[in-house]
Amino acid sequence: MDRMPRPVAVLLASLLSAASCTRTPEAPTYQLQGQVLAVRPETSEILVKHDDIKGFMPAMTMPYKVKDAALLNGRAPGDLITATLHVDPELAWLSAINKTGSAPIPEDAITKIPAAAGVQLLKPGDAVPDTVLTDQAGAPLTLVELRDAALVVTFIYTRCPLPQFCPLMDRRFAEIQSLVAADPALRGRVRLLSISFDPAHDTPAALRAHAAKVAADPDMWRFATAGEEVVDRLAATFGVNVMREQDGTVTHNLRTAVIDPQGRIVSIHDSNAWTAASIVDELTTTILAR
């Protein structure tokens, strides 16, 4: 029987071993069962009020992405569905969406944001309204206090389970923190603030624990919250829509703002379409312009 030359066999074994070591692991999957509340083809999203997802998260109302937009064809509010939820570090998405029936949307699924009604949206050059928050130490914190430095603000809640939402904001802020700490021109001249719109859960103790989990340096990166009406109105001025269900679940979008040391808006970034490096570039320009 012909034998493969030893050098070739060794090389092939090495390549196969390397391939197996570098293979990207598949995203964990979970089974989801719930009701469609809204379909958003323009953003490839479907809003679902779902039951407990065993092994992953409790019952919630959340917007989920689909990678195949055709999965949204024929879906409508009120549909009862099953689907497969895929979760990797950067994204969660649904596949295999199957309609199992339909039902009236229950009253406790109707989202309302009365606290944010009639607010004036901030735009570049506007002064940020001062608001009294409570930080992770349980101390009052006002936005005016942070005007000794350039400031980056985002809105999150610590129970958020979707990797492309609040957990991604945490990772991006951690990157900004590292980049600023390594830059002598920025070190000590930048502040980061993550504001939670979930005060019932995100108490000072919970925020402290979360800050420790994400390795936030309290001299640069702080966490804070306020009562629902206060934080909802503040978030709305930045363009964040916080929708609270009667069952306690929260649906929201993402907005991140760069604010100059005089408390004026430099820019507001929608969704997660920004990078830590691009924010640091803005901070550098903002600080050097003083």
Protein backbone atom coordinates (compact mmCIF):
# COMPACT_ATOMS: atom_id res chain seq x y z
CA MET A 1 0.00 0.00 0.00
CA ASP A 2 1.33 3.45 -0.92
CA ARG A 3 2.33 5.58 2.03
CA MET A 4 2.26 9.37 2.27
CA PRO A 5 5.78 10.79 2.70
CA ARG A 6 6.35 11.60 6.37
CA PRO A 7 7.05 15.34 5.87
CA VAL A 8 3.79 15.71 3.93
CA ALA A 9 1.87 13.73 6.56
CA VAL A 10 3.27 15.88 9.35
CA LEU A 11 2.40 19.08 7.46
CA LEU A 12 -1.13 17.86 6.74
CA ALA A 13 -1.67 16.89 10.38
CA SER A 14 -0.40 20.29 11.46
CA LEU A 15 -2.76 22.10 9.09
CA LEU A 16 -5.74 20.01 10.20
CA SER A 17 -4.88 20.68 13.84
CA ALA A 18 -4.58 24.41 13.20
CA ALA A 19 -7.90 24.44 11.37
CA SER A 20 -9.64 22.70 14.24
CA CYS A 21 -8.12 25.13 16.74
CA THR A 22 -9.14 28.23 14.80
CA ARG A 23 -12.67 27.14 13.86
CA THR A 24 -15.15 29.75 15.08
CA PRO A 25 -17.44 28.17 17.67
CA GLU A 26 -21.12 28.22 16.78
CA ALA A 27 -23.30 30.70 18.64
CA PRO A 28 -25.37 29.10 21.42
CA THR A 29 -29.02 28.62 20.47
CA TYR A 30 -32.20 28.76 22.53
CA GLN A 31 -35.85 28.12 21.79
CA LEU A 32 -38.14 31.13 21.96
CA GLN A 33 -41.92 31.19 22.17
CA GLY A 34 -43.93 34.40 22.21
CA GLN A 35 -46.11 36.95 20.45
CA VAL A 36 -45.16 39.49 17.79
CA LEU A 37 -45.84 43.08 18.83
CA ALA A 38 -44.26 44.86 15.86
CA VAL A 39 -42.44 44.09 12.62
CA ARG A 40 -39.74 46.48 11.36
CA PRO A 41 -38.52 45.34 7.91
CA GLU A 42 -36.49 48.53 7.44
CA THR A 43 -34.18 47.50 10.29
CA SER A 44 -34.61 43.70 9.94
CA GLU A 45 -36.14 43.56 13.42
CA ILE A 46 -39.14 41.96 15.05
CA LEU A 47 -40.45 42.99 18.48
CA VAL A 48 -41.48 39.95 20.49
CA LYS A 49 -43.09 39.58 23.90
CA HIS A 50 -41.79 36.15 24.86
CA ASP A 51 -41.96 33.58 27.63
CA ASP A 52 -38.97 32.56 29.75
CA ILE A 53 -36.13 31.34 27.54
CA LYS A 54 -34.85 28.36 29.46
CA GLY A 55 -31.20 28.68 30.36
CA PHE A 56 -30.84 32.25 29.09
CA MET A 57 -33.31 34.95 30.19
CA PRO A 58 -36.68 35.54 31.86
CA ALA A 59 -39.84 36.57 30.02
CA MET A 60 -39.33 39.96 28.35
CA THR A 61 -40.31 42.14 25.43
CA MET A 62 -37.30 42.64 23.18
CA PRO A 63 -36.48 43.63 19.59
CA TYR A 64 -34.62 40.85 17.78
CA LYS A 65 -32.65 41.04 14.54
CA VAL A 66 -33.00 38.56 11.69
CA LYS A 67 -30.17 37.84 9.27
CA ASP A 68 -32.62 36.74 6.59
CA ALA A 69 -35.14 39.54 5.98
CA ALA A 70 -37.44 37.07 4.26
CA LEU A 71 -38.26 35.62 7.67
CA LEU A 72 -40.33 38.76 8.36
CA ASN A 73 -42.51 38.29 5.28
CA GLY A 74 -46.08 37.66 6.38
CA ARG A 75 -45.35 38.26 10.05
CA ALA A 76 -47.76 40.67 11.75
CA PRO A 77 -48.55 42.02 15.24
CA GLY A 78 -50.54 39.46 17.17
CA ASP A 79 -48.85 36.41 15.60
CA LEU A 80 -47.92 33.67 18.05
CA ILE A 81 -44.54 32.28 17.07
CA THR A 82 -41.74 29.92 17.88
CA ALA A 83 -38.19 30.71 16.83
CA THR A 84 -34.55 29.83 17.39
CA LEU A 85 -32.51 32.50 19.17
CA HIS A 86 -28.78 32.61 18.36
CA VAL A 87 -26.49 34.50 20.75
CA ASP A 88 -22.84 35.34 20.13
CA PRO A 89 -20.70 38.03 21.82
CA GLU A 90 -21.62 40.69 19.25
CA LEU A 91 -25.15 39.88 18.12
CA ALA A 92 -28.36 38.03 18.92
CA TRP A 93 -30.69 37.07 16.09
CA LEU A 94 -33.66 34.86 15.28
CA SER A 95 -33.98 32.10 12.73
CA ALA A 96 -36.66 29.49 12.01
CA ILE A 97 -39.55 31.82 12.87
CA ASN A 98 -42.77 29.80 12.66
CA LYS A 99 -46.30 31.07 13.21
CA THR A 100 -48.33 28.83 15.52
CA GLY A 101 -51.46 30.97 15.78
CA SER A 102 -52.64 34.49 16.52
CA ALA A 103 -54.23 36.33 19.43
CA PRO A 104 -55.19 39.87 20.43
CA ILE A 105 -52.24 41.80 21.85
CA PRO A 106 -52.83 41.93 25.63
CA GLU A 107 -53.26 45.28 27.33
CA ASP A 108 -50.11 44.81 29.42
CA ALA A 109 -48.08 44.70 26.18
CA ILE A 110 -49.04 48.20 25.09
CA THR A 111 -45.98 50.42 25.43
CA LYS A 112 -46.31 53.95 26.75
CA ILE A 113 -43.75 56.71 27.30
CA PRO A 114 -45.70 59.57 28.88
CA ALA A 115 -42.65 60.88 30.74
CA ALA A 116 -40.88 61.58 27.44
CA ALA A 117 -43.80 63.34 25.74
CA GLY A 118 -43.04 66.77 24.32
CA VAL A 119 -39.32 66.88 25.12
CA GLN A 120 -36.93 68.94 23.01
CA LEU A 121 -34.36 66.77 21.26
CA LEU A 122 -30.77 67.88 21.77
CA LYS A 123 -28.61 68.74 18.77
CA PRO A 124 -24.93 69.70 18.38
CA GLY A 125 -24.20 72.97 20.14
CA ASP A 126 -27.07 72.65 22.63
CA ALA A 127 -26.37 72.80 26.35
CA VAL A 128 -27.23 69.56 28.13
CA PRO A 129 -29.96 70.11 30.74
CA ASP A 130 -28.70 69.58 34.26
CA THR A 131 -30.29 66.63 35.98
CA VAL A 132 -29.76 65.23 39.47
CA LEU A 133 -28.83 61.55 39.32
CA THR A 134 -27.64 59.06 41.94
CA ASP A 135 -24.31 57.38 41.27
CA GLN A 136 -23.04 53.92 42.21
CA ALA A 137 -21.80 55.26 45.55
CA GLY A 138 -25.31 56.41 46.40
CA ALA A 139 -24.24 60.07 46.12
CA PRO A 140 -26.00 62.81 44.13
CA LEU A 141 -24.43 63.46 40.74
CA THR A 142 -25.28 66.34 38.42
CA LEU A 143 -24.14 66.76 34.85
CA VAL A 144 -22.79 70.20 35.76
CA GLU A 145 -20.29 68.53 38.10
CA LEU A 146 -18.74 66.77 35.10
CA ARG A 147 -18.02 69.94 33.13
CA ASP A 148 -14.35 69.92 34.09
CA ALA A 149 -13.73 67.43 31.29
CA ALA A 150 -15.09 66.16 27.99
CA LEU A 151 -17.89 63.70 28.67
CA VAL A 152 -19.28 60.65 26.88
CA VAL A 153 -22.79 59.58 27.93
CA THR A 154 -24.76 56.47 27.07
CA PHE A 155 -27.92 54.83 28.41
CA ILE A 156 -28.06 51.20 29.53
CA TYR A 157 -29.54 48.84 32.07
CA THR A 158 -27.54 46.11 33.72
CA ARG A 159 -30.09 43.31 33.14
CA CYS A 160 -30.04 43.84 29.36
CA PRO A 161 -29.42 40.38 27.85
CA LEU A 162 -28.78 41.20 24.19
CA PRO A 163 -25.07 41.43 23.29
CA GLN A 164 -25.52 44.15 20.66
CA PHE A 165 -27.32 46.46 23.09
CA CYS A 166 -26.16 47.40 26.61
CA PRO A 167 -23.36 44.80 26.91
CA LEU A 168 -21.85 46.22 23.71
CA MET A 169 -22.03 49.75 25.16
CA ASP A 170 -20.12 48.46 28.20
CA ARG A 171 -17.44 46.91 25.99
CA ARG A 172 -17.10 50.07 23.91
CA PHE A 173 -16.80 52.24 27.03
CA ALA A 174 -14.16 49.85 28.40
CA GLU A 175 -12.22 50.33 25.14
CA ILE A 176 -12.53 54.12 25.39
CA GLN A 177 -11.33 53.95 28.99
CA SER A 178 -8.22 52.02 27.94
CA LEU A 179 -7.46 54.33 25.01
CA VAL A 180 -7.86 57.47 27.11
CA ALA A 181 -5.73 56.08 29.94
CA ALA A 182 -2.94 55.38 27.45
CA ASP A 183 -3.02 58.87 25.92
CA PRO A 184 -1.22 61.61 27.94
CA ALA A 185 -3.17 64.30 26.06
CA LEU A 186 -6.50 62.83 27.20
CA ARG A 187 -5.70 61.24 30.53
CA GLY A 188 -7.58 63.03 33.31
CA ARG A 189 -9.53 65.16 30.82
CA VAL A 190 -12.29 62.69 29.85
CA ARG A 191 -15.25 61.33 31.81
CA LEU A 192 -17.56 58.46 30.90
CA LEU A 193 -21.11 58.16 32.26
CA SER A 194 -23.47 55.21 31.83
CA ILE A 195 -27.00 56.11 32.90
CA SER A 196 -29.41 53.30 33.77
CA PHE A 197 -33.11 53.68 33.06
CA ASP A 198 -33.91 50.72 35.36
CA PRO A 199 -33.78 52.30 38.85
CA ALA A 200 -35.91 49.59 40.46
CA HIS A 201 -33.18 47.03 39.80
CA ASP A 202 -30.11 49.19 39.26
CA THR A 203 -29.69 50.42 42.81
CA PRO A 204 -26.34 51.92 43.84
CA ALA A 205 -25.26 48.48 45.06
CA ALA A 206 -26.20 46.86 41.75
CA LEU A 207 -24.40 49.61 39.81
CA ARG A 208 -21.28 49.18 41.98
CA ALA A 209 -21.27 45.46 41.30
CA HIS A 210 -21.73 46.06 37.58
CA ALA A 211 -18.97 48.69 37.52
CA ALA A 212 -16.61 46.19 39.12
CA LYS A 213 -17.64 43.52 36.62
CA VAL A 214 -16.73 45.72 33.66
CA ALA A 215 -13.57 47.06 35.37
CA ALA A 216 -14.75 50.68 35.32
CA ASP A 217 -12.25 53.11 36.82
CA PRO A 218 -14.43 55.34 39.07
CA ASP A 219 -12.12 58.31 38.44
CA MET A 220 -13.11 58.15 34.77
CA TRP A 221 -16.20 55.97 34.28
CA ARG A 222 -19.23 56.25 36.55
CA PHE A 223 -22.69 54.71 36.59
CA ALA A 224 -25.82 56.53 37.73
CA THR A 225 -29.61 56.44 37.61
CA ALA A 226 -32.68 58.38 38.75
CA GLY A 227 -36.41 57.86 39.18
CA GLU A 228 -38.18 56.52 36.10
CA GLU A 229 -39.82 59.80 35.10
CA VAL A 230 -36.59 61.77 35.53
CA VAL A 231 -34.36 59.34 33.67
CA ASP A 232 -36.93 58.75 30.91
CA ARG A 233 -37.20 62.47 30.18
CA LEU A 234 -33.42 62.89 30.24
CA ALA A 235 -32.96 59.90 27.92
CA ALA A 236 -35.63 61.28 25.57
CA THR A 237 -33.70 64.53 25.12
CA PHE A 238 -30.88 62.41 23.65
CA GLY A 239 -33.34 60.52 21.41
CA VAL A 240 -33.59 57.39 23.58
CA ASN A 241 -37.09 55.88 23.61
CA VAL A 242 -37.66 53.92 26.80
CA MET A 243 -40.80 51.81 26.58
CA ARG A 244 -41.94 50.19 29.81
CA GLU A 245 -44.38 47.30 29.85
CA GLN A 246 -46.81 46.73 32.70
CA ASP A 247 -45.02 43.44 33.39
CA GLY A 248 -41.77 45.35 34.10
CA THR A 249 -39.90 44.62 30.88
CA VAL A 250 -38.10 47.42 29.02
CA THR A 251 -37.57 48.07 25.32
CA HIS A 252 -35.15 50.78 24.21
CA ASN A 253 -32.92 52.06 21.46
CA LEU A 254 -29.29 53.20 21.76
CA ARG A 255 -27.84 56.71 21.68
CA THR A 256 -24.36 57.81 22.77
CA ALA A 257 -23.34 61.47 23.11
CA VAL A 258 -20.05 63.34 23.22
CA ILE A 259 -20.28 66.52 25.32
CA ASP A 260 -17.63 69.24 25.52
CA PRO A 261 -16.22 70.61 28.82
CA GLN A 262 -18.70 73.51 28.66
CA GLY A 263 -21.62 71.06 28.72
CA ARG A 264 -22.54 71.42 25.03
CA ILE A 265 -23.41 68.58 22.68
CA VAL A 266 -20.62 67.75 20.21
CA SER A 267 -22.34 64.77 18.61
CA ILE A 268 -24.99 62.14 19.25
CA HIS A 269 -24.45 58.68 17.77
CA ASP A 270 -27.40 56.45 16.94
CA SER A 271 -27.50 52.72 17.61
CA ASN A 272 -24.12 50.93 17.86
CA ALA A 273 -22.68 52.27 14.60
CA TRP A 274 -19.59 53.83 16.17
CA THR A 275 -16.25 52.63 17.48
CA ALA A 276 -14.19 53.45 20.54
CA ALA A 277 -11.46 54.83 18.27
CA SER A 278 -13.85 57.20 16.51
CA ILE A 279 -15.13 58.55 19.84
CA VAL A 280 -11.56 59.04 21.07
CA ASP A 281 -10.80 60.99 17.89
CA GLU A 282 -13.77 63.27 18.65
CA LEU A 283 -12.61 63.69 22.24
CA THR A 284 -9.13 64.61 21.06
CA THR A 285 -10.51 67.24 18.68
CA THR A 286 -12.86 68.58 21.36
CA ILE A 287 -10.15 68.91 23.99
CA LEU A 288 -7.53 70.38 21.65
CA ALA A 289 -10.09 72.98 20.50
CA ARG A 290 -10.27 74.49 23.99
